[in-house]
Structures are given as structure tokens and as C-alpha cells.
Amino acid sequence: MQKLINLFLSLVAIVAFVACGAYSFTGGNTGDAKTIQIDFFPNQAPLVEPVLSQRFTQDLRDLFTRQTNLTLVNTGGDLHFEGEIVDYRITPMSATANQTAAQNRLTITVNVRFMNRLKEEDDFEKRFSFYFDYGATEQLTGGVLESALNEILERINQDIFNASVAKW
């Protein structure tokens, strides 16, 4: 009986190792690509947040270097991202009984052009957008702004990653 249990456990372990070998925890498939180029994303929105361009670009670079084995280069990358921040908008979302805003929404939209030099059919140009809601009595500065940018940029960057290498 002990031999049967050991055989079964060995079989399960072998199947688990083989199955995990073909799986990527990030879902990214970079194919034969070895390098990635992510250009600076200028802020061309009508309302400009000074730190947004630098923060967005750096966060996108960090995501790809953390979740793939690609080498970040300044020119000639196998995968190439460029684009611009096209919208930074604050809009009132819900009203109180006194006809004033109870909640505001910050929305950021980024236009992205992705070029895969090894597989041109994967190229795209898309807009990615996300939002953060906050109380109308709060100012969009300090901790509120930091929380908003963290949430929005994390979601937009993950959506870009998914559209380009995860193919979701």
C-alpha cells in the first residue's frame, strides 16, 4: 500500500512540475522579443498634473521589467511603446440635496501606440482610461492625489500590459 501511495504522489508531483513549466504567473507572452522600448509619454491633456508624465512612464517601465524578462532599451526595442496622456479630467459624480457635488471623479486617459517589430499583426493604437472617485469635500492634493494616481496608473498600466503581451 505504501508503494502505491508513493507512486501516486510521485505522479502528482511530476504532473504539477510539467504543468507549471508552461505557465506564466503574469500571463505575459513576449515570444522571441528580447528588448523593450518605452518612450516618454508627454502630458497633452487640457488640465496638466506636473508629475503625471514622469510617473506614468516610469510605472509602465517598472511593470514590464518586473513581469517579463525583457531588457529595457532607449532605441530599437523589439517591443516599442509610445503615446501621450490625452485627458486628465475632474467631474462631479453625484449631487446632494443642496445641489452640490457629493463626490468627484478623476479620470485619466492615455493614448498608446504599440509596435511589435517581430510580429507586426500585434501592433495597435488604443486609448486606455480609468478613474478614481473621491469626496467633494476633499482636495485633490497630497494623500488623496497619491491614492488616485496609484489606483489609476496601476489599472491603466496593467490594461496596457494585458493588451500587448498577455493578449487579454
N, C-alpha and C. Protein backbone atom coordinates (compact mmCIF):
# COMPACT_ATOMS: atom_id res chain seq x y z
N MET A 1 0.83 -1.20 0.00
CA MET A 1 0.00 0.00 0.00
C MET A 1 0.87 1.26 0.00
N GLN A 2 1.94 1.25 0.80
CA GLN A 2 2.83 2.40 0.88
C GLN A 2 3.46 2.70 -0.48
N LYS A 3 3.81 1.65 -1.23
CA LYS A 3 4.39 1.85 -2.56
C LYS A 3 3.39 2.49 -3.51
N LEU A 4 2.13 2.12 -3.40
CA LEU A 4 1.08 2.70 -4.24
C LEU A 4 0.89 4.19 -3.93
N ILE A 5 0.93 4.53 -2.65
CA ILE A 5 0.80 5.94 -2.25
C ILE A 5 1.99 6.74 -2.75
N ASN A 6 3.20 6.21 -2.58
CA ASN A 6 4.40 6.90 -3.07
C ASN A 6 4.38 7.08 -4.58
N LEU A 7 3.92 6.06 -5.31
CA LEU A 7 3.81 6.15 -6.76
C LEU A 7 2.82 7.23 -7.16
N PHE A 8 1.69 7.26 -6.47
CA PHE A 8 0.66 8.27 -6.76
C PHE A 8 1.19 9.68 -6.48
N LEU A 9 1.85 9.87 -5.34
CA LEU A 9 2.38 11.19 -5.00
C LEU A 9 3.47 11.61 -5.98
N SER A 10 4.29 10.68 -6.41
CA SER A 10 5.33 10.98 -7.41
C SER A 10 4.70 11.40 -8.73
N LEU A 11 3.66 10.71 -9.13
CA LEU A 11 2.96 11.05 -10.37
C LEU A 11 2.33 12.44 -10.29
N VAL A 12 1.72 12.75 -9.17
CA VAL A 12 1.12 14.08 -8.98
C VAL A 12 2.21 15.16 -9.03
N ALA A 13 3.33 14.93 -8.39
CA ALA A 13 4.42 15.91 -8.39
C ALA A 13 4.96 16.13 -9.80
N ILE A 14 5.13 15.05 -10.56
CA ILE A 14 5.64 15.18 -11.94
C ILE A 14 4.66 15.97 -12.79
N VAL A 15 3.38 15.67 -12.68
CA VAL A 15 2.36 16.39 -13.45
C VAL A 15 2.35 17.86 -13.06
N ALA A 16 2.47 18.15 -11.78
CA ALA A 16 2.47 19.54 -11.33
C ALA A 16 3.67 20.30 -11.88
N PHE A 17 4.85 19.72 -11.85
CA PHE A 17 6.04 20.39 -12.37
C PHE A 17 5.95 20.61 -13.87
N VAL A 18 5.45 19.65 -14.61
CA VAL A 18 5.33 19.78 -16.06
C VAL A 18 4.30 20.85 -16.39
N ALA A 19 3.17 20.84 -15.70
CA ALA A 19 2.12 21.83 -15.97
C ALA A 19 2.57 23.24 -15.64
N CYS A 20 3.30 23.40 -14.55
CA CYS A 20 3.77 24.73 -14.15
C CYS A 20 4.84 25.26 -15.08
N GLY A 21 5.57 24.38 -15.73
CA GLY A 21 6.63 24.82 -16.63
C GLY A 21 6.10 25.59 -17.83
N ALA A 22 4.86 25.33 -18.24
CA ALA A 22 4.30 26.01 -19.40
C ALA A 22 3.43 27.19 -19.01
N TYR A 23 3.40 27.52 -17.74
CA TYR A 23 2.52 28.58 -17.27
C TYR A 23 3.34 29.78 -16.81
N SER A 24 2.87 30.95 -17.19
CA SER A 24 3.50 32.18 -16.72
C SER A 24 2.58 32.82 -15.69
N PHE A 25 3.08 33.14 -14.51
CA PHE A 25 2.24 33.72 -13.48
C PHE A 25 1.71 35.09 -13.86
N THR A 26 2.41 35.81 -14.71
CA THR A 26 1.96 37.13 -15.12
C THR A 26 1.07 37.07 -16.34
N GLY A 27 1.07 35.96 -17.06
CA GLY A 27 0.26 35.85 -18.26
C GLY A 27 0.92 36.50 -19.45
N GLY A 28 2.13 37.01 -19.30
CA GLY A 28 2.79 37.70 -20.40
C GLY A 28 3.45 36.72 -21.36
N ASN A 29 3.28 36.97 -22.66
CA ASN A 29 3.93 36.16 -23.67
C ASN A 29 4.69 37.11 -24.57
N THR A 30 5.99 37.18 -24.39
CA THR A 30 6.80 38.11 -25.16
C THR A 30 7.37 37.46 -26.41
N GLY A 31 7.07 36.18 -26.62
CA GLY A 31 7.55 35.48 -27.81
C GLY A 31 9.07 35.49 -27.89
N ASP A 32 9.59 35.87 -29.06
CA ASP A 32 11.04 35.91 -29.27
C ASP A 32 11.64 37.26 -28.91
N ALA A 33 10.82 38.18 -28.43
CA ALA A 33 11.31 39.52 -28.10
C ALA A 33 12.32 39.45 -26.96
N LYS A 34 13.36 40.25 -27.08
CA LYS A 34 14.40 40.32 -26.04
C LYS A 34 14.48 41.71 -25.41
N THR A 35 14.05 42.73 -26.16
CA THR A 35 14.18 44.12 -25.69
C THR A 35 12.84 44.84 -25.76
N ILE A 36 12.72 45.86 -24.93
CA ILE A 36 11.52 46.68 -24.92
C ILE A 36 11.93 48.15 -24.83
N GLN A 37 11.26 48.97 -25.62
CA GLN A 37 11.49 50.41 -25.62
C GLN A 37 10.19 51.09 -25.22
N ILE A 38 10.23 51.86 -24.15
CA ILE A 38 9.05 52.61 -23.70
C ILE A 38 9.44 54.08 -23.69
N ASP A 39 8.93 54.82 -24.67
CA ASP A 39 9.24 56.24 -24.79
C ASP A 39 8.52 57.04 -23.71
N PHE A 40 8.99 58.24 -23.47
CA PHE A 40 8.36 59.17 -22.53
C PHE A 40 6.97 59.53 -23.04
N PHE A 41 5.98 59.49 -22.18
CA PHE A 41 4.60 59.84 -22.53
C PHE A 41 4.32 61.27 -22.09
N PRO A 42 4.35 62.24 -23.02
CA PRO A 42 4.09 63.63 -22.62
C PRO A 42 2.63 63.83 -22.24
N ASN A 43 2.39 64.82 -21.39
CA ASN A 43 1.04 65.14 -20.96
C ASN A 43 0.48 66.21 -21.88
N GLN A 44 -0.45 65.81 -22.73
CA GLN A 44 -1.09 66.75 -23.66
C GLN A 44 -2.55 66.99 -23.29
N ALA A 45 -2.91 66.69 -22.06
CA ALA A 45 -4.27 66.92 -21.58
C ALA A 45 -4.48 68.41 -21.36
N PRO A 46 -5.72 68.87 -21.50
CA PRO A 46 -6.01 70.29 -21.25
C PRO A 46 -5.68 70.72 -19.83
N LEU A 47 -5.85 69.83 -18.85
CA LEU A 47 -5.51 70.09 -17.46
C LEU A 47 -4.28 69.26 -17.14
N VAL A 48 -3.18 69.89 -16.71
CA VAL A 48 -1.91 69.20 -16.55
C VAL A 48 -1.56 69.03 -15.09
N GLU A 49 -1.28 67.78 -14.71
CA GLU A 49 -0.73 67.47 -13.39
C GLU A 49 0.78 67.31 -13.60
N PRO A 50 1.61 68.14 -12.96
CA PRO A 50 3.05 68.18 -13.26
C PRO A 50 3.80 66.86 -13.18
N VAL A 51 3.47 66.00 -12.22
CA VAL A 51 4.25 64.76 -12.05
C VAL A 51 3.73 63.60 -12.88
N LEU A 52 2.62 63.78 -13.57
CA LEU A 52 1.93 62.67 -14.20
C LEU A 52 2.73 61.99 -15.31
N SER A 53 3.32 62.73 -16.21
CA SER A 53 4.05 62.14 -17.34
C SER A 53 5.20 61.27 -16.86
N GLN A 54 6.01 61.81 -15.99
CA GLN A 54 7.16 61.07 -15.48
C GLN A 54 6.72 59.83 -14.71
N ARG A 55 5.72 60.00 -13.89
CA ARG A 55 5.23 58.89 -13.05
C ARG A 55 4.64 57.78 -13.91
N PHE A 56 3.80 58.15 -14.88
CA PHE A 56 3.19 57.14 -15.74
C PHE A 56 4.25 56.36 -16.51
N THR A 57 5.18 57.08 -17.14
CA THR A 57 6.22 56.43 -17.94
C THR A 57 7.05 55.49 -17.07
N GLN A 58 7.46 55.94 -15.90
CA GLN A 58 8.29 55.10 -15.04
C GLN A 58 7.53 53.89 -14.53
N ASP A 59 6.27 54.07 -14.17
CA ASP A 59 5.47 52.94 -13.69
C ASP A 59 5.29 51.88 -14.78
N LEU A 60 5.09 52.31 -16.03
CA LEU A 60 4.94 51.37 -17.14
C LEU A 60 6.25 50.62 -17.37
N ARG A 61 7.37 51.32 -17.33
CA ARG A 61 8.68 50.66 -17.48
C ARG A 61 8.90 49.64 -16.35
N ASP A 62 8.57 50.04 -15.12
CA ASP A 62 8.76 49.15 -13.98
C ASP A 62 7.91 47.89 -14.11
N LEU A 63 6.67 48.04 -14.57
CA LEU A 63 5.79 46.89 -14.72
C LEU A 63 6.38 45.87 -15.69
N PHE A 64 6.86 46.34 -16.84
CA PHE A 64 7.39 45.42 -17.84
C PHE A 64 8.72 44.80 -17.41
N THR A 65 9.54 45.55 -16.72
CA THR A 65 10.81 44.95 -16.29
C THR A 65 10.60 43.98 -15.13
N ARG A 66 9.58 44.18 -14.31
CA ARG A 66 9.27 43.26 -13.22
C ARG A 66 8.60 41.97 -13.70
N GLN A 67 7.69 42.10 -14.67
CA GLN A 67 6.86 40.96 -15.04
C GLN A 67 7.29 40.24 -16.32
N THR A 68 8.36 40.69 -16.95
CA THR A 68 8.88 39.99 -18.12
C THR A 68 10.40 39.88 -17.98
N ASN A 69 11.00 39.16 -18.88
CA ASN A 69 12.46 39.06 -18.89
C ASN A 69 13.07 39.96 -19.96
N LEU A 70 12.31 40.97 -20.41
CA LEU A 70 12.77 41.89 -21.44
C LEU A 70 13.78 42.89 -20.88
N THR A 71 14.72 43.29 -21.73
CA THR A 71 15.70 44.30 -21.37
C THR A 71 15.21 45.65 -21.87
N LEU A 72 15.17 46.63 -21.00
CA LEU A 72 14.73 47.98 -21.37
C LEU A 72 15.85 48.68 -22.14
N VAL A 73 15.51 49.21 -23.35
CA VAL A 73 16.49 49.92 -24.17
C VAL A 73 15.91 51.29 -24.55
N ASN A 74 16.79 52.22 -24.97
CA ASN A 74 16.34 53.55 -25.36
C ASN A 74 15.89 53.63 -26.81
N THR A 75 16.46 52.78 -27.68
CA THR A 75 16.08 52.79 -29.10
C THR A 75 16.12 51.37 -29.64
N GLY A 76 15.32 51.14 -30.67
CA GLY A 76 15.37 49.87 -31.39
C GLY A 76 14.85 48.66 -30.65
N GLY A 77 13.93 48.83 -29.73
CA GLY A 77 13.40 47.68 -28.98
C GLY A 77 12.53 46.78 -29.85
N ASP A 78 12.56 45.49 -29.57
CA ASP A 78 11.68 44.55 -30.27
C ASP A 78 10.22 44.92 -30.05
N LEU A 79 9.89 45.30 -28.82
CA LEU A 79 8.57 45.81 -28.48
C LEU A 79 8.74 47.30 -28.19
N HIS A 80 7.84 48.13 -28.73
CA HIS A 80 8.01 49.58 -28.62
C HIS A 80 6.67 50.22 -28.25
N PHE A 81 6.70 51.00 -27.18
CA PHE A 81 5.51 51.74 -26.74
C PHE A 81 5.79 53.24 -26.87
N GLU A 82 4.82 53.95 -27.41
CA GLU A 82 4.87 55.41 -27.43
C GLU A 82 3.44 55.92 -27.31
N GLY A 83 3.31 57.18 -27.01
CA GLY A 83 1.97 57.75 -26.89
C GLY A 83 1.98 59.01 -26.06
N GLU A 84 0.81 59.37 -25.57
CA GLU A 84 0.66 60.60 -24.81
C GLU A 84 -0.54 60.48 -23.87
N ILE A 85 -0.47 61.26 -22.81
CA ILE A 85 -1.60 61.39 -21.90
C ILE A 85 -2.52 62.43 -22.53
N VAL A 86 -3.75 62.02 -22.84
CA VAL A 86 -4.64 62.91 -23.60
C VAL A 86 -5.76 63.52 -22.77
N ASP A 87 -6.00 62.98 -21.56
CA ASP A 87 -7.07 63.57 -20.76
C ASP A 87 -6.79 63.37 -19.28
N TYR A 88 -7.01 64.44 -18.53
CA TYR A 88 -6.94 64.46 -17.07
C TYR A 88 -8.12 65.32 -16.67
N ARG A 89 -9.19 64.67 -16.20
CA ARG A 89 -10.46 65.38 -16.03
C ARG A 89 -11.06 65.11 -14.66
N ILE A 90 -11.59 66.16 -14.06
CA ILE A 90 -12.30 66.03 -12.79
C ILE A 90 -13.75 66.40 -13.05
N THR A 91 -14.67 65.47 -12.72
CA THR A 91 -16.08 65.72 -12.96
C THR A 91 -16.88 65.40 -11.71
N PRO A 92 -17.94 66.19 -11.43
CA PRO A 92 -18.82 65.86 -10.30
C PRO A 92 -19.64 64.62 -10.63
N MET A 93 -19.80 63.72 -9.65
CA MET A 93 -20.48 62.45 -9.93
C MET A 93 -21.88 62.35 -9.34
N SER A 94 -22.08 62.83 -8.14
CA SER A 94 -23.40 62.72 -7.53
C SER A 94 -23.69 64.01 -6.77
N ALA A 95 -24.96 64.35 -6.73
CA ALA A 95 -25.37 65.60 -6.11
C ALA A 95 -25.98 65.37 -4.73
N THR A 96 -25.88 66.39 -3.90
CA THR A 96 -26.55 66.35 -2.59
C THR A 96 -27.90 67.03 -2.73
N ALA A 97 -28.65 67.06 -1.64
CA ALA A 97 -29.96 67.72 -1.65
C ALA A 97 -29.81 69.22 -1.90
N ASN A 98 -28.63 69.78 -1.61
CA ASN A 98 -28.38 71.22 -1.79
C ASN A 98 -27.85 71.53 -3.19
N GLN A 99 -27.94 70.58 -4.11
CA GLN A 99 -27.48 70.76 -5.50
C GLN A 99 -25.97 71.00 -5.59
N THR A 100 -25.21 70.42 -4.68
CA THR A 100 -23.75 70.48 -4.76
C THR A 100 -23.22 69.06 -4.94
N ALA A 101 -22.00 68.95 -5.42
CA ALA A 101 -21.43 67.63 -5.65
C ALA A 101 -21.12 66.94 -4.34
N ALA A 102 -21.49 65.66 -4.25
CA ALA A 102 -21.16 64.85 -3.07
C ALA A 102 -19.89 64.06 -3.33
N GLN A 103 -19.59 63.85 -4.61
CA GLN A 103 -18.43 63.05 -4.98
C GLN A 103 -17.91 63.53 -6.33
N ASN A 104 -16.59 63.52 -6.46
CA ASN A 104 -15.95 63.88 -7.72
C ASN A 104 -15.21 62.67 -8.28
N ARG A 105 -14.96 62.70 -9.57
CA ARG A 105 -14.23 61.60 -10.23
C ARG A 105 -13.08 62.19 -11.04
N LEU A 106 -11.87 61.66 -10.77
CA LEU A 106 -10.70 61.98 -11.58
C LEU A 106 -10.56 60.87 -12.61
N THR A 107 -10.51 61.24 -13.88
CA THR A 107 -10.34 60.27 -14.97
C THR A 107 -9.09 60.64 -15.75
N ILE A 108 -8.25 59.64 -16.01
CA ILE A 108 -7.05 59.84 -16.82
C ILE A 108 -7.15 58.92 -18.02
N THR A 109 -6.83 59.46 -19.20
CA THR A 109 -6.85 58.70 -20.45
C THR A 109 -5.50 58.81 -21.12
N VAL A 110 -4.98 57.67 -21.56
CA VAL A 110 -3.68 57.61 -22.22
C VAL A 110 -3.85 56.97 -23.59
N ASN A 111 -3.32 57.62 -24.62
CA ASN A 111 -3.30 57.05 -25.97
C ASN A 111 -1.97 56.31 -26.14
N VAL A 112 -2.03 55.03 -26.52
CA VAL A 112 -0.84 54.19 -26.61
C VAL A 112 -0.72 53.61 -28.01
N ARG A 113 0.49 53.71 -28.57
CA ARG A 113 0.82 53.04 -29.83
C ARG A 113 1.84 51.95 -29.49
N PHE A 114 1.48 50.72 -29.80
CA PHE A 114 2.34 49.57 -29.53
C PHE A 114 2.80 48.98 -30.85
N MET A 115 4.10 48.80 -30.98
CA MET A 115 4.67 48.19 -32.17
C MET A 115 5.49 46.97 -31.75
N ASN A 116 5.18 45.84 -32.37
CA ASN A 116 5.94 44.62 -32.16
C ASN A 116 6.73 44.38 -33.44
N ARG A 117 8.00 44.66 -33.41
CA ARG A 117 8.83 44.56 -34.63
C ARG A 117 8.99 43.13 -35.11
N LEU A 118 8.71 42.17 -34.26
CA LEU A 118 8.85 40.77 -34.64
C LEU A 118 7.54 40.16 -35.13
N LYS A 119 6.43 40.79 -34.79
CA LYS A 119 5.11 40.27 -35.15
C LYS A 119 4.17 41.46 -35.35
N GLU A 120 4.23 42.05 -36.55
CA GLU A 120 3.52 43.31 -36.81
C GLU A 120 2.00 43.22 -36.67
N GLU A 121 1.44 42.03 -36.79
CA GLU A 121 -0.02 41.91 -36.65
C GLU A 121 -0.47 42.20 -35.22
N ASP A 122 0.45 42.23 -34.27
CA ASP A 122 0.12 42.57 -32.88
C ASP A 122 0.09 44.08 -32.63
N ASP A 123 0.54 44.89 -33.59
CA ASP A 123 0.59 46.35 -33.42
C ASP A 123 -0.82 46.89 -33.16
N PHE A 124 -0.91 47.94 -32.34
CA PHE A 124 -2.20 48.61 -32.13
C PHE A 124 -1.99 50.04 -31.68
N GLU A 125 -3.05 50.81 -31.81
CA GLU A 125 -3.15 52.14 -31.20
C GLU A 125 -4.49 52.16 -30.48
N LYS A 126 -4.44 52.35 -29.16
CA LYS A 126 -5.65 52.33 -28.34
C LYS A 126 -5.57 53.39 -27.26
N ARG A 127 -6.74 53.73 -26.75
CA ARG A 127 -6.84 54.60 -25.58
C ARG A 127 -7.20 53.76 -24.36
N PHE A 128 -6.49 54.03 -23.28
CA PHE A 128 -6.73 53.34 -22.02
C PHE A 128 -7.11 54.39 -20.99
N SER A 129 -8.15 54.09 -20.22
CA SER A 129 -8.67 55.08 -19.29
C SER A 129 -9.11 54.39 -18.00
N PHE A 130 -8.97 55.11 -16.89
CA PHE A 130 -9.50 54.64 -15.63
C PHE A 130 -9.78 55.85 -14.75
N TYR A 131 -10.46 55.63 -13.63
CA TYR A 131 -10.92 56.74 -12.79
C TYR A 131 -10.74 56.43 -11.31
N PHE A 132 -10.88 57.47 -10.52
CA PHE A 132 -10.83 57.38 -9.06
C PHE A 132 -11.87 58.34 -8.51
N ASP A 133 -12.75 57.86 -7.65
CA ASP A 133 -13.77 58.70 -7.03
C ASP A 133 -13.30 59.15 -5.64
N TYR A 134 -13.60 60.39 -5.32
CA TYR A 134 -13.23 60.93 -4.01
C TYR A 134 -14.29 61.94 -3.57
N GLY A 135 -14.35 62.18 -2.29
CA GLY A 135 -15.37 63.08 -1.73
C GLY A 135 -15.20 64.51 -2.20
N ALA A 136 -16.32 65.18 -2.41
CA ALA A 136 -16.29 66.55 -2.90
C ALA A 136 -15.68 67.51 -1.88
N THR A 137 -15.66 67.13 -0.62
CA THR A 137 -15.06 68.00 0.39
C THR A 137 -13.55 67.83 0.46
N GLU A 138 -13.00 66.84 -0.25
CA GLU A 138 -11.56 66.59 -0.24
C GLU A 138 -10.89 67.35 -1.38
N GLN A 139 -9.68 67.80 -1.14
CA GLN A 139 -8.88 68.44 -2.18
C GLN A 139 -8.05 67.37 -2.89
N LEU A 140 -7.91 67.51 -4.19
CA LEU A 140 -7.12 66.54 -4.95
C LEU A 140 -5.64 66.92 -4.85
N THR A 141 -5.10 66.80 -3.65
CA THR A 141 -3.69 67.08 -3.36
C THR A 141 -3.22 66.08 -2.34
N GLY A 142 -1.93 66.03 -2.11
CA GLY A 142 -1.35 65.21 -1.06
C GLY A 142 -1.75 63.75 -1.16
N GLY A 143 -2.24 63.21 -0.05
CA GLY A 143 -2.59 61.80 0.03
C GLY A 143 -3.71 61.39 -0.89
N VAL A 144 -4.68 62.27 -1.09
CA VAL A 144 -5.80 61.95 -1.99
C VAL A 144 -5.29 61.81 -3.42
N LEU A 145 -4.45 62.75 -3.86
CA LEU A 145 -3.88 62.68 -5.20
C LEU A 145 -2.99 61.45 -5.35
N GLU A 146 -2.19 61.17 -4.33
CA GLU A 146 -1.31 59.98 -4.37
C GLU A 146 -2.12 58.70 -4.50
N SER A 147 -3.19 58.58 -3.73
CA SER A 147 -4.06 57.40 -3.82
C SER A 147 -4.72 57.30 -5.19
N ALA A 148 -5.17 58.44 -5.70
CA ALA A 148 -5.81 58.45 -7.01
C ALA A 148 -4.84 58.01 -8.10
N LEU A 149 -3.63 58.57 -8.10
CA LEU A 149 -2.66 58.22 -9.12
C LEU A 149 -2.23 56.76 -8.99
N ASN A 150 -2.05 56.28 -7.77
CA ASN A 150 -1.68 54.87 -7.56
C ASN A 150 -2.71 53.95 -8.20
N GLU A 151 -3.97 54.17 -7.89
CA GLU A 151 -5.03 53.30 -8.38
C GLU A 151 -5.21 53.41 -9.89
N ILE A 152 -5.26 54.62 -10.40
CA ILE A 152 -5.49 54.83 -11.84
C ILE A 152 -4.32 54.30 -12.67
N LEU A 153 -3.11 54.66 -12.30
CA LEU A 153 -1.95 54.26 -13.11
C LEU A 153 -1.72 52.75 -13.04
N GLU A 154 -1.95 52.15 -11.88
CA GLU A 154 -1.81 50.70 -11.78
C GLU A 154 -2.77 50.00 -12.73
N ARG A 155 -4.00 50.46 -12.78
CA ARG A 155 -5.01 49.83 -13.65
C ARG A 155 -4.71 50.08 -15.13
N ILE A 156 -4.38 51.31 -15.49
CA ILE A 156 -4.08 51.60 -16.90
C ILE A 156 -2.86 50.81 -17.35
N ASN A 157 -1.80 50.79 -16.56
CA ASN A 157 -0.59 50.06 -16.93
C ASN A 157 -0.86 48.56 -17.05
N GLN A 158 -1.67 48.01 -16.16
CA GLN A 158 -2.00 46.58 -16.26
C GLN A 158 -2.83 46.31 -17.51
N ASP A 159 -3.74 47.22 -17.85
CA ASP A 159 -4.53 47.07 -19.08
C ASP A 159 -3.63 47.11 -20.32
N ILE A 160 -2.64 47.98 -20.31
CA ILE A 160 -1.69 48.06 -21.43
C ILE A 160 -0.89 46.77 -21.52
N PHE A 161 -0.41 46.28 -20.39
CA PHE A 161 0.33 45.01 -20.36
C PHE A 161 -0.53 43.88 -20.91
N ASN A 162 -1.77 43.81 -20.45
CA ASN A 162 -2.67 42.75 -20.90
C ASN A 162 -2.95 42.83 -22.40
N ALA A 163 -3.13 44.03 -22.92
CA ALA A 163 -3.43 44.19 -24.35
C ALA A 163 -2.24 43.89 -25.23
N SER A 164 -1.04 44.12 -24.73
CA SER A 164 0.14 43.99 -25.58
C SER A 164 0.81 42.61 -25.49
N VAL A 165 1.08 42.12 -24.31
CA VAL A 165 1.78 40.83 -24.21
C VAL A 165 0.94 39.71 -23.60
N ALA A 166 -0.09 40.03 -22.85
CA ALA A 166 -0.92 38.98 -22.27
C ALA A 166 -2.06 38.61 -23.21
N LYS A 167 -2.40 39.48 -24.15
CA LYS A 167 -3.44 39.25 -25.15
C LYS A 167 -4.80 38.96 -24.52
N TRP A 168 -5.14 39.72 -23.47
CA TRP A 168 -6.44 39.57 -22.84
C TRP A 168 -7.40 40.57 -23.40
